[in-house]
Amino acid sequence: MAITDLALLRDEPEVFGPVASSPTAWRPLPGIDPAALGTLCAARATAHEIAGL
């Protein structure tokens, strides 16, 4: 999943509910420092493992 995929999620509101606009999703990215990025990557890897991806 990438920010560019948000439009796909917005097309199915009954499944995914409210989805942030692309500008809203991009806005915090410049402020993510290397430590936070490492934490996010680790969380994503854990979620993929749990989901069996």
Protein backbone atom coordinates (compact mmCIF):
# COMPACT_ATOMS: atom_id res chain seq x y z
CA MET A 1 0.00 0.00 0.00
CA ALA A 2 1.27 3.44 -0.91
CA ILE A 3 -0.12 6.95 -0.61
CA THR A 4 -0.90 6.81 -4.31
CA ASP A 5 -3.30 3.93 -3.56
CA LEU A 6 -5.57 6.05 -1.34
CA ALA A 7 -7.85 6.85 -4.27
CA LEU A 8 -8.60 3.14 -4.59
CA LEU A 9 -9.58 2.98 -0.92
CA ARG A 10 -11.78 6.08 -1.24
CA ASP A 11 -13.69 4.31 -4.04
CA GLU A 12 -14.93 1.73 -1.48
CA PRO A 13 -16.15 3.77 1.51
CA GLU A 14 -18.50 1.01 2.68
CA VAL A 15 -15.48 -1.29 3.06
CA PHE A 16 -12.73 1.08 4.22
CA GLY A 17 -14.67 3.95 5.76
CA PRO A 18 -13.26 7.48 5.67
CA VAL A 19 -9.86 7.74 3.94
CA ALA A 20 -7.50 10.70 4.19
CA SER A 21 -6.95 12.86 1.14
CA SER A 22 -3.61 12.46 -0.61
CA PRO A 23 -2.38 15.92 0.54
CA THR A 24 -3.29 15.04 4.14
CA ALA A 25 -1.36 11.77 3.91
CA TRP A 26 1.72 13.48 2.39
CA ARG A 27 1.81 16.41 4.83
CA PRO A 28 3.58 14.73 7.79
CA LEU A 29 6.20 12.85 5.75
CA PRO A 30 8.91 15.54 5.67
CA GLY A 31 8.93 15.57 9.48
CA ILE A 32 9.67 11.87 9.90
CA ASP A 33 13.18 11.44 11.25
CA PRO A 34 15.32 8.30 10.72
CA ALA A 35 14.39 6.84 14.12
CA ALA A 36 10.67 7.24 13.46
CA LEU A 37 11.11 5.80 9.98
CA GLY A 38 12.81 2.76 11.49
CA THR A 39 9.91 2.31 13.90
CA LEU A 40 7.38 2.59 11.07
CA CYS A 41 9.29 0.06 8.94
CA ALA A 42 9.46 -2.38 11.85
CA ALA A 43 5.73 -2.01 12.50
CA ARG A 44 4.98 -2.60 8.83
CA ALA A 45 7.16 -5.72 8.80
CA THR A 46 5.35 -7.03 11.89
CA ALA A 47 1.96 -6.36 10.30
CA HIS A 48 3.04 -8.20 7.13
CA GLU A 49 4.25 -11.13 9.20
CA ILE A 50 0.98 -11.33 11.12
CA ALA A 51 -1.00 -11.09 7.88
CA GLY A 52 1.13 -13.77 6.27
CA LEU A 53 2.35 -11.53 3.46
